[in-house]
N, C-alpha and C. Protein backbone atom coordinates (compact mmCIF):
# COMPACT_ATOMS: atom_id res chain seq x y z
N MET A 1 122.48 44.15 -59.42
CA MET A 1 121.38 43.84 -60.28
C MET A 1 120.36 42.98 -59.55
N PHE A 2 120.80 41.99 -58.86
CA PHE A 2 119.91 41.13 -58.10
C PHE A 2 119.22 41.91 -56.98
N LEU A 3 119.91 42.84 -56.37
CA LEU A 3 119.34 43.64 -55.29
C LEU A 3 118.28 44.60 -55.81
N ASP A 4 118.48 45.11 -57.01
CA ASP A 4 117.51 46.04 -57.56
C ASP A 4 116.16 45.38 -57.82
N GLN A 5 116.20 44.12 -58.30
CA GLN A 5 114.94 43.43 -58.56
C GLN A 5 114.20 43.12 -57.27
N SER A 6 114.89 42.76 -56.23
CA SER A 6 114.22 42.45 -54.96
C SER A 6 113.66 43.69 -54.30
N SER A 7 114.29 44.82 -54.47
CA SER A 7 113.77 46.04 -53.87
C SER A 7 112.51 46.50 -54.58
N ASP A 8 112.41 46.22 -55.91
CA ASP A 8 111.19 46.57 -56.63
C ASP A 8 110.02 45.69 -56.18
N ILE A 9 110.30 44.42 -55.93
CA ILE A 9 109.22 43.52 -55.50
C ILE A 9 108.81 43.81 -54.07
N ASP A 10 109.78 44.19 -53.23
CA ASP A 10 109.47 44.43 -51.83
C ASP A 10 108.74 45.75 -51.61
N ASP A 11 108.85 46.67 -52.49
CA ASP A 11 108.21 47.97 -52.28
C ASP A 11 106.69 47.87 -52.21
N PRO A 12 106.01 47.20 -53.14
CA PRO A 12 104.55 47.11 -52.99
C PRO A 12 104.16 46.29 -51.76
N LEU A 13 104.98 45.29 -51.46
CA LEU A 13 104.69 44.47 -50.30
C LEU A 13 104.87 45.27 -49.02
N ARG A 14 105.92 46.05 -48.97
CA ARG A 14 106.14 46.89 -47.78
C ARG A 14 105.08 47.97 -47.67
N ALA A 15 104.64 48.50 -48.78
CA ALA A 15 103.60 49.52 -48.74
C ALA A 15 102.30 48.93 -48.19
N PHE A 16 102.01 47.68 -48.59
CA PHE A 16 100.80 47.02 -48.09
C PHE A 16 100.91 46.72 -46.59
N GLU A 17 102.08 46.27 -46.18
CA GLU A 17 102.29 45.97 -44.75
C GLU A 17 102.18 47.23 -43.91
N GLN A 18 102.64 48.32 -44.41
CA GLN A 18 102.57 49.57 -43.66
C GLN A 18 101.14 50.10 -43.60
N SER A 19 100.33 49.74 -44.59
CA SER A 19 98.95 50.22 -44.57
C SER A 19 98.09 49.47 -43.55
N LEU A 20 98.53 48.29 -43.16
CA LEU A 20 97.78 47.54 -42.16
C LEU A 20 97.97 48.18 -40.79
N THR A 21 96.91 48.19 -40.02
CA THR A 21 97.00 48.72 -38.66
C THR A 21 96.88 47.55 -37.69
N LEU A 22 97.71 47.53 -36.72
CA LEU A 22 97.70 46.46 -35.74
C LEU A 22 97.26 47.03 -34.40
N ALA A 23 96.07 46.71 -34.00
CA ALA A 23 95.51 47.06 -32.70
C ALA A 23 95.47 48.56 -32.45
N ASP A 24 95.38 49.35 -33.49
CA ASP A 24 95.24 50.79 -33.29
C ASP A 24 93.78 51.18 -33.12
N ASP A 25 92.86 50.41 -33.76
CA ASP A 25 91.44 50.75 -33.73
C ASP A 25 90.66 49.88 -32.75
N VAL A 26 91.21 49.58 -31.61
CA VAL A 26 90.53 48.75 -30.62
C VAL A 26 89.44 49.58 -29.97
N THR A 27 88.22 49.03 -29.96
CA THR A 27 87.12 49.74 -29.32
C THR A 27 87.18 49.51 -27.83
N THR A 28 86.83 50.47 -27.10
CA THR A 28 86.85 50.37 -25.64
C THR A 28 85.53 49.83 -25.16
N PHE A 29 85.54 49.20 -24.01
CA PHE A 29 84.33 48.61 -23.43
C PHE A 29 83.47 49.70 -22.83
N THR A 30 82.19 49.65 -23.19
CA THR A 30 81.24 50.59 -22.58
C THR A 30 80.38 49.81 -21.61
N PRO A 31 80.09 50.37 -20.45
CA PRO A 31 79.36 49.62 -19.42
C PRO A 31 77.97 49.18 -19.83
N GLY A 32 77.26 49.87 -20.66
CA GLY A 32 75.90 49.51 -21.01
C GLY A 32 75.81 48.53 -22.17
N ALA A 33 76.92 48.06 -22.71
CA ALA A 33 76.89 47.23 -23.91
C ALA A 33 77.03 45.75 -23.59
N GLY A 34 76.71 45.30 -22.39
CA GLY A 34 76.82 43.89 -22.00
C GLY A 34 75.67 43.08 -22.55
N PRO A 35 75.57 41.83 -22.13
CA PRO A 35 74.47 40.98 -22.60
C PRO A 35 73.12 41.53 -22.14
N SER A 36 72.16 41.43 -23.01
CA SER A 36 70.83 41.95 -22.69
C SER A 36 69.89 40.81 -22.31
N ILE A 37 68.69 41.15 -21.96
CA ILE A 37 67.67 40.15 -21.62
C ILE A 37 67.35 39.32 -22.85
N TRP A 38 67.37 39.94 -24.01
CA TRP A 38 67.10 39.21 -25.25
C TRP A 38 68.17 38.14 -25.49
N ASP A 39 69.42 38.45 -25.19
CA ASP A 39 70.49 37.45 -25.33
C ASP A 39 70.28 36.29 -24.37
N ALA A 40 69.87 36.58 -23.14
CA ALA A 40 69.60 35.52 -22.17
C ALA A 40 68.41 34.67 -22.62
N PHE A 41 67.39 35.30 -23.17
CA PHE A 41 66.22 34.57 -23.66
C PHE A 41 66.60 33.64 -24.81
N LYS A 42 67.42 34.13 -25.74
CA LYS A 42 67.87 33.30 -26.85
C LYS A 42 68.70 32.12 -26.34
N MET A 43 69.51 32.35 -25.33
CA MET A 43 70.33 31.28 -24.77
C MET A 43 69.45 30.20 -24.12
N ILE A 44 68.40 30.61 -23.42
CA ILE A 44 67.49 29.66 -22.78
C ILE A 44 66.73 28.87 -23.85
N ILE A 45 66.32 29.52 -24.91
CA ILE A 45 65.61 28.82 -26.00
C ILE A 45 66.52 27.78 -26.64
N VAL A 46 67.77 28.16 -26.91
CA VAL A 46 68.71 27.21 -27.52
C VAL A 46 68.96 26.04 -26.58
N LEU A 47 69.10 26.31 -25.29
CA LEU A 47 69.31 25.25 -24.30
C LEU A 47 68.11 24.31 -24.25
N ALA A 48 66.90 24.87 -24.29
CA ALA A 48 65.69 24.04 -24.28
C ALA A 48 65.62 23.18 -25.54
N LEU A 49 65.98 23.72 -26.67
CA LEU A 49 65.98 22.93 -27.90
C LEU A 49 67.01 21.81 -27.84
N CYS A 50 68.17 22.07 -27.24
CA CYS A 50 69.19 21.02 -27.10
C CYS A 50 68.69 19.91 -26.18
N VAL A 51 68.06 20.27 -25.07
CA VAL A 51 67.52 19.27 -24.15
C VAL A 51 66.43 18.46 -24.83
N ALA A 52 65.57 19.13 -25.60
CA ALA A 52 64.51 18.41 -26.32
C ALA A 52 65.11 17.46 -27.36
N ALA A 53 66.16 17.88 -28.03
CA ALA A 53 66.80 17.00 -29.02
C ALA A 53 67.43 15.79 -28.34
N ILE A 54 68.08 15.99 -27.21
CA ILE A 54 68.67 14.86 -26.47
C ILE A 54 67.57 13.92 -26.00
N TYR A 55 66.47 14.46 -25.47
CA TYR A 55 65.35 13.63 -25.03
C TYR A 55 64.79 12.83 -26.20
N GLY A 56 64.67 13.46 -27.35
CA GLY A 56 64.16 12.76 -28.53
C GLY A 56 65.06 11.63 -28.97
N VAL A 57 66.37 11.86 -28.97
CA VAL A 57 67.31 10.82 -29.37
C VAL A 57 67.26 9.65 -28.39
N VAL A 58 67.24 9.94 -27.10
CA VAL A 58 67.17 8.87 -26.09
C VAL A 58 65.85 8.11 -26.23
N PHE A 59 64.75 8.81 -26.46
CA PHE A 59 63.46 8.17 -26.61
C PHE A 59 63.45 7.24 -27.82
N ILE A 60 64.03 7.69 -28.92
CA ILE A 60 64.07 6.86 -30.13
C ILE A 60 64.95 5.63 -29.91
N PHE A 61 66.11 5.82 -29.26
CA PHE A 61 66.99 4.67 -29.00
C PHE A 61 66.32 3.66 -28.08
N LYS A 62 65.61 4.14 -27.06
CA LYS A 62 64.90 3.21 -26.17
C LYS A 62 63.82 2.47 -26.94
N ARG A 63 63.13 3.16 -27.79
CA ARG A 63 62.05 2.54 -28.55
C ARG A 63 62.59 1.49 -29.52
N ILE A 64 63.70 1.79 -30.15
CA ILE A 64 64.29 0.85 -31.09
C ILE A 64 64.85 -0.36 -30.37
N SER A 65 65.52 -0.14 -29.25
CA SER A 65 66.15 -1.25 -28.53
C SER A 65 65.13 -2.13 -27.82
N ARG A 66 63.95 -1.62 -27.58
CA ARG A 66 62.93 -2.37 -26.85
C ARG A 66 61.93 -3.07 -27.75
N LYS A 67 62.15 -3.04 -29.04
CA LYS A 67 61.21 -3.68 -29.95
C LYS A 67 61.12 -5.16 -29.67
N GLN A 68 59.93 -5.60 -29.34
CA GLN A 68 59.68 -7.01 -29.11
C GLN A 68 58.49 -7.41 -29.96
N THR A 69 58.58 -8.56 -30.52
CA THR A 69 57.44 -9.02 -31.31
C THR A 69 56.42 -9.60 -30.34
N PRO A 70 55.18 -9.16 -30.43
CA PRO A 70 54.17 -9.70 -29.54
C PRO A 70 53.90 -11.16 -29.85
N SER A 71 53.64 -11.90 -28.79
CA SER A 71 53.38 -13.32 -28.95
C SER A 71 52.06 -13.52 -29.67
N THR A 72 52.07 -14.43 -30.63
CA THR A 72 50.84 -14.71 -31.36
C THR A 72 50.08 -15.87 -30.74
N ASP A 73 50.67 -16.54 -29.76
CA ASP A 73 50.02 -17.66 -29.11
C ASP A 73 49.05 -17.13 -28.05
N PRO A 74 47.75 -17.39 -28.18
CA PRO A 74 46.80 -16.85 -27.21
C PRO A 74 46.85 -17.57 -25.86
N TYR A 75 47.49 -18.71 -25.77
CA TYR A 75 47.50 -19.47 -24.53
C TYR A 75 48.74 -19.19 -23.69
N LEU A 76 49.85 -18.89 -24.30
CA LEU A 76 51.08 -18.61 -23.59
C LEU A 76 51.22 -17.10 -23.45
N LYS A 77 51.28 -16.63 -22.19
CA LYS A 77 51.34 -15.19 -21.94
C LYS A 77 52.44 -14.88 -20.94
N VAL A 78 53.18 -13.82 -21.21
CA VAL A 78 54.13 -13.30 -20.23
C VAL A 78 53.40 -12.18 -19.49
N LEU A 79 53.09 -12.44 -18.22
CA LEU A 79 52.26 -11.51 -17.46
C LEU A 79 53.05 -10.36 -16.85
N ALA A 80 54.30 -10.63 -16.47
CA ALA A 80 55.11 -9.58 -15.84
C ALA A 80 56.58 -9.84 -16.11
N ASN A 81 57.35 -8.76 -16.15
CA ASN A 81 58.80 -8.82 -16.32
C ASN A 81 59.43 -7.90 -15.29
N SER A 82 60.60 -8.27 -14.82
CA SER A 82 61.35 -7.38 -13.94
C SER A 82 62.83 -7.56 -14.23
N HIS A 83 63.50 -6.45 -14.44
CA HIS A 83 64.93 -6.46 -14.71
C HIS A 83 65.68 -6.46 -13.39
N LEU A 84 66.54 -7.44 -13.17
CA LEU A 84 67.28 -7.55 -11.92
C LEU A 84 68.69 -6.96 -12.03
N ALA A 85 69.44 -7.38 -12.99
CA ALA A 85 70.80 -6.91 -13.21
C ALA A 85 71.06 -6.99 -14.71
N SER A 86 72.29 -6.76 -15.11
CA SER A 86 72.56 -6.80 -16.54
C SER A 86 72.29 -8.19 -17.09
N SER A 87 71.42 -8.27 -18.04
CA SER A 87 70.97 -9.49 -18.72
C SER A 87 70.40 -10.53 -17.76
N ARG A 88 69.78 -10.10 -16.67
CA ARG A 88 69.10 -11.02 -15.75
C ARG A 88 67.69 -10.49 -15.49
N TYR A 89 66.72 -11.36 -15.73
CA TYR A 89 65.32 -10.96 -15.62
C TYR A 89 64.53 -12.01 -14.86
N VAL A 90 63.38 -11.58 -14.34
CA VAL A 90 62.39 -12.49 -13.76
C VAL A 90 61.10 -12.27 -14.52
N HIS A 91 60.46 -13.37 -14.94
CA HIS A 91 59.23 -13.30 -15.71
C HIS A 91 58.16 -14.13 -15.01
N VAL A 92 56.93 -13.70 -15.14
CA VAL A 92 55.78 -14.51 -14.75
C VAL A 92 55.13 -14.96 -16.04
N VAL A 93 55.14 -16.28 -16.27
CA VAL A 93 54.63 -16.87 -17.50
C VAL A 93 53.39 -17.67 -17.16
N ALA A 94 52.33 -17.51 -17.95
CA ALA A 94 51.08 -18.21 -17.70
C ALA A 94 50.66 -19.00 -18.92
N VAL A 95 50.11 -20.17 -18.65
CA VAL A 95 49.48 -21.00 -19.67
C VAL A 95 48.12 -21.37 -19.09
N GLY A 96 47.09 -20.84 -19.70
CA GLY A 96 45.75 -21.10 -19.18
C GLY A 96 45.58 -20.46 -17.81
N THR A 97 45.29 -21.30 -16.80
CA THR A 97 45.08 -20.78 -15.45
C THR A 97 46.26 -21.07 -14.54
N LYS A 98 47.36 -21.54 -15.06
CA LYS A 98 48.56 -21.80 -14.26
C LYS A 98 49.63 -20.77 -14.61
N ALA A 99 50.43 -20.42 -13.59
CA ALA A 99 51.50 -19.44 -13.80
C ALA A 99 52.76 -19.89 -13.08
N TRP A 100 53.90 -19.50 -13.65
CA TRP A 100 55.19 -19.86 -13.08
C TRP A 100 56.07 -18.62 -13.03
N LEU A 101 56.92 -18.58 -12.02
CA LEU A 101 57.93 -17.55 -11.89
C LEU A 101 59.22 -18.11 -12.46
N VAL A 102 59.74 -17.47 -13.50
CA VAL A 102 60.88 -17.98 -14.25
C VAL A 102 61.98 -16.94 -14.22
N GLY A 103 63.21 -17.38 -13.95
CA GLY A 103 64.37 -16.50 -14.00
C GLY A 103 65.14 -16.75 -15.27
N SER A 104 65.60 -15.70 -15.91
CA SER A 104 66.36 -15.87 -17.14
C SER A 104 67.62 -15.02 -17.07
N SER A 105 68.68 -15.58 -17.63
CA SER A 105 69.94 -14.86 -17.75
C SER A 105 70.44 -15.05 -19.17
N GLU A 106 71.63 -14.64 -19.43
CA GLU A 106 72.14 -14.68 -20.79
C GLU A 106 72.23 -16.11 -21.34
N GLY A 107 72.55 -17.07 -20.47
CA GLY A 107 72.75 -18.42 -20.97
C GLY A 107 71.74 -19.44 -20.52
N SER A 108 70.77 -19.06 -19.67
CA SER A 108 69.87 -20.08 -19.16
C SER A 108 68.53 -19.49 -18.75
N VAL A 109 67.55 -20.40 -18.62
CA VAL A 109 66.22 -20.08 -18.11
C VAL A 109 65.92 -21.10 -17.03
N ASN A 110 65.56 -20.62 -15.82
CA ASN A 110 65.35 -21.51 -14.68
C ASN A 110 63.97 -21.28 -14.08
N LEU A 111 63.31 -22.35 -13.71
CA LEU A 111 62.04 -22.28 -13.02
C LEU A 111 62.32 -21.97 -11.56
N ILE A 112 61.72 -20.90 -11.06
CA ILE A 112 61.91 -20.53 -9.65
C ILE A 112 60.81 -21.15 -8.81
N SER A 113 59.56 -20.93 -9.20
CA SER A 113 58.46 -21.55 -8.46
C SER A 113 57.18 -21.46 -9.28
N GLU A 114 56.19 -22.22 -8.84
CA GLU A 114 54.87 -22.15 -9.45
C GLU A 114 54.02 -21.24 -8.58
N ILE A 115 53.29 -20.36 -9.21
CA ILE A 115 52.40 -19.46 -8.48
C ILE A 115 51.07 -20.18 -8.32
N GLU A 116 50.69 -20.42 -7.06
CA GLU A 116 49.50 -21.21 -6.79
C GLU A 116 48.28 -20.38 -6.40
N ASP A 117 48.49 -19.12 -6.02
CA ASP A 117 47.38 -18.28 -5.60
C ASP A 117 46.60 -17.84 -6.84
N GLN A 118 45.40 -18.36 -6.98
CA GLN A 118 44.59 -18.13 -8.18
C GLN A 118 44.14 -16.68 -8.28
N ASP A 119 43.96 -15.99 -7.14
CA ASP A 119 43.55 -14.59 -7.19
C ASP A 119 44.64 -13.71 -7.81
N ILE A 120 45.88 -13.97 -7.46
CA ILE A 120 46.98 -13.20 -8.04
C ILE A 120 47.08 -13.48 -9.53
N ILE A 121 46.93 -14.74 -9.89
CA ILE A 121 47.00 -15.10 -11.32
C ILE A 121 45.88 -14.41 -12.09
N ASN A 122 44.66 -14.44 -11.51
CA ASN A 122 43.53 -13.79 -12.19
C ASN A 122 43.73 -12.29 -12.32
N SER A 123 44.26 -11.66 -11.27
CA SER A 123 44.48 -10.21 -11.35
C SER A 123 45.57 -9.88 -12.38
N MET A 124 46.59 -10.72 -12.47
CA MET A 124 47.63 -10.49 -13.48
C MET A 124 47.10 -10.73 -14.88
N LEU A 125 46.27 -11.75 -15.06
CA LEU A 125 45.66 -11.99 -16.37
C LEU A 125 44.76 -10.83 -16.77
N HIS A 126 44.01 -10.33 -15.81
CA HIS A 126 43.12 -9.19 -16.08
C HIS A 126 43.94 -7.95 -16.45
N ALA A 127 45.03 -7.70 -15.70
CA ALA A 127 45.87 -6.54 -16.00
C ALA A 127 46.52 -6.68 -17.38
N GLU A 128 46.93 -7.88 -17.73
CA GLU A 128 47.54 -8.10 -19.04
C GLU A 128 46.51 -7.93 -20.16
N ALA A 129 45.29 -8.36 -19.90
CA ALA A 129 44.24 -8.22 -20.92
C ALA A 129 43.86 -6.75 -21.11
N THR A 130 43.80 -5.99 -20.05
CA THR A 130 43.44 -4.57 -20.19
C THR A 130 44.61 -3.76 -20.74
N LYS A 131 45.83 -4.21 -20.51
CA LYS A 131 46.99 -3.51 -21.05
C LYS A 131 47.00 -3.60 -22.57
N GLY A 132 46.55 -4.69 -23.12
CA GLY A 132 46.51 -4.86 -24.56
C GLY A 132 45.46 -4.00 -25.23
N THR A 133 44.39 -3.63 -24.51
CA THR A 133 43.32 -2.83 -25.11
C THR A 133 43.63 -1.35 -25.07
N GLN A 134 44.51 -0.91 -24.18
CA GLN A 134 44.84 0.50 -24.11
C GLN A 134 45.76 0.85 -25.27
N THR A 135 45.56 2.03 -25.82
CA THR A 135 46.43 2.48 -26.90
C THR A 135 47.25 3.65 -26.39
N PRO A 136 48.48 3.40 -25.96
CA PRO A 136 49.29 4.50 -25.46
C PRO A 136 49.71 5.42 -26.59
N GLY A 137 49.91 6.69 -26.25
CA GLY A 137 50.36 7.65 -27.25
C GLY A 137 51.82 7.45 -27.57
N ARG A 138 52.26 8.17 -28.58
CA ARG A 138 53.66 8.05 -28.98
C ARG A 138 54.59 8.61 -27.92
N PHE A 139 54.20 9.73 -27.34
CA PHE A 139 55.01 10.36 -26.31
C PHE A 139 54.24 10.33 -24.99
N PRO A 140 54.95 10.21 -23.88
CA PRO A 140 54.24 10.19 -22.60
C PRO A 140 53.59 11.54 -22.35
N ASP A 141 52.47 11.52 -21.66
CA ASP A 141 51.82 12.78 -21.38
C ASP A 141 52.64 13.55 -20.35
N PHE A 142 52.39 14.84 -20.26
CA PHE A 142 53.21 15.73 -19.45
C PHE A 142 53.15 15.36 -17.97
N LEU A 143 51.99 14.96 -17.47
CA LEU A 143 51.87 14.63 -16.05
C LEU A 143 52.68 13.39 -15.69
N SER A 144 52.74 12.41 -16.58
CA SER A 144 53.54 11.22 -16.26
C SER A 144 55.02 11.56 -16.23
N VAL A 145 55.46 12.48 -17.07
CA VAL A 145 56.86 12.92 -17.03
C VAL A 145 57.15 13.63 -15.72
N LEU A 146 56.23 14.50 -15.29
CA LEU A 146 56.41 15.20 -14.02
C LEU A 146 56.41 14.23 -12.84
N ARG A 147 55.52 13.23 -12.88
CA ARG A 147 55.49 12.25 -11.79
C ARG A 147 56.77 11.46 -11.73
N ARG A 148 57.35 11.16 -12.88
CA ARG A 148 58.58 10.38 -12.91
C ARG A 148 59.73 11.14 -12.27
N PHE A 149 59.77 12.46 -12.47
CA PHE A 149 60.87 13.25 -11.93
C PHE A 149 60.55 13.85 -10.57
N GLY A 150 59.28 13.85 -10.19
CA GLY A 150 58.88 14.42 -8.90
C GLY A 150 59.12 13.46 -7.76
N ASN A 151 58.55 13.80 -6.63
CA ASN A 151 58.68 12.93 -5.46
C ASN A 151 57.94 11.64 -5.72
N GLN A 152 58.60 10.56 -5.41
CA GLN A 152 57.99 9.25 -5.61
C GLN A 152 57.04 8.97 -4.45
N ILE A 153 55.78 8.84 -4.76
CA ILE A 153 54.79 8.50 -3.75
C ILE A 153 54.87 7.00 -3.53
N GLN A 154 54.73 6.58 -2.29
CA GLN A 154 54.85 5.16 -1.99
C GLN A 154 53.82 4.39 -2.79
N ALA A 155 54.29 3.31 -3.35
CA ALA A 155 53.40 2.49 -4.17
C ALA A 155 52.34 1.87 -3.27
N ASN A 156 51.12 1.92 -3.72
CA ASN A 156 50.02 1.40 -2.94
C ASN A 156 49.63 0.03 -3.48
N THR A 157 50.62 -0.84 -3.62
CA THR A 157 50.35 -2.18 -4.13
C THR A 157 49.96 -3.07 -2.98
N PRO A 158 48.86 -3.76 -3.11
CA PRO A 158 48.41 -4.61 -2.02
C PRO A 158 49.26 -5.88 -1.92
N GLY A 159 49.46 -6.31 -0.68
CA GLY A 159 50.19 -7.54 -0.45
C GLY A 159 49.25 -8.73 -0.53
N VAL A 160 49.79 -9.90 -0.22
CA VAL A 160 49.00 -11.13 -0.30
C VAL A 160 47.86 -11.09 0.71
N ASP A 161 48.15 -10.62 1.94
CA ASP A 161 47.09 -10.55 2.96
C ASP A 161 45.98 -9.60 2.55
N GLU A 162 46.38 -8.48 1.96
CA GLU A 162 45.38 -7.50 1.52
C GLU A 162 44.49 -8.09 0.43
N ILE A 163 45.06 -8.84 -0.48
CA ILE A 163 44.28 -9.46 -1.55
C ILE A 163 43.31 -10.50 -0.96
N ARG A 164 43.77 -11.27 0.01
CA ARG A 164 42.89 -12.26 0.64
C ARG A 164 41.73 -11.58 1.37
N LYS A 165 42.00 -10.47 2.04
CA LYS A 165 40.93 -9.72 2.73
C LYS A 165 39.91 -9.22 1.71
N ARG A 166 40.40 -8.73 0.58
CA ARG A 166 39.48 -8.25 -0.45
C ARG A 166 38.64 -9.39 -1.02
N ARG A 167 39.26 -10.55 -1.19
CA ARG A 167 38.53 -11.72 -1.71
C ARG A 167 37.44 -12.12 -0.73
N GLU A 168 37.75 -12.17 0.57
CA GLU A 168 36.75 -12.52 1.58
C GLU A 168 35.62 -11.50 1.62
N LYS A 169 35.97 -10.23 1.43
CA LYS A 169 34.94 -9.19 1.42
C LYS A 169 34.03 -9.36 0.21
N LEU A 170 34.61 -9.70 -0.95
CA LEU A 170 33.80 -9.91 -2.15
C LEU A 170 32.93 -11.15 -2.05
N GLU A 171 33.46 -12.21 -1.41
CA GLU A 171 32.66 -13.41 -1.24
C GLU A 171 31.46 -13.18 -0.34
N GLY A 172 31.59 -12.24 0.59
CA GLY A 172 30.50 -11.93 1.51
C GLY A 172 29.37 -11.15 0.84
N LEU A 173 29.60 -10.61 -0.33
CA LEU A 173 28.56 -9.83 -1.01
C LEU A 173 27.57 -10.67 -1.66
């Protein structure tokens, strides 16, 4: 009696299992059915969108982490900053017509030296004043991105002797 009930239940199940085909309808590979140019184009577009998304995320994180409140004091100005190592910086700080080179780390701020060359101070003050009047765009322009990744051209920054020669030339006018 118990066997008869199980055979009735197993019959529809066995009929269903027998109706299933296992790997009988496998399609064969045809040589002309590989990836097309359209598939490669779609892959390049998706890759470009991923790179753009990563660039956007990095740009936003840099922008958020670099938020600094501009100084409201018109007399105290930070003319230049340079990152040396993790949490170690060098700043050029000016008050009026005097400037100092200051080193800062996570726990301290140290005076390195006083900058006495008035021409350098004036050029830094001028550069800081013109930097405030420029309105940079939200995203860097395409040429600046290419320059950043391209060959680095040697910086044509004048040294102290070059600045003195220029000052003497201007005084002669």
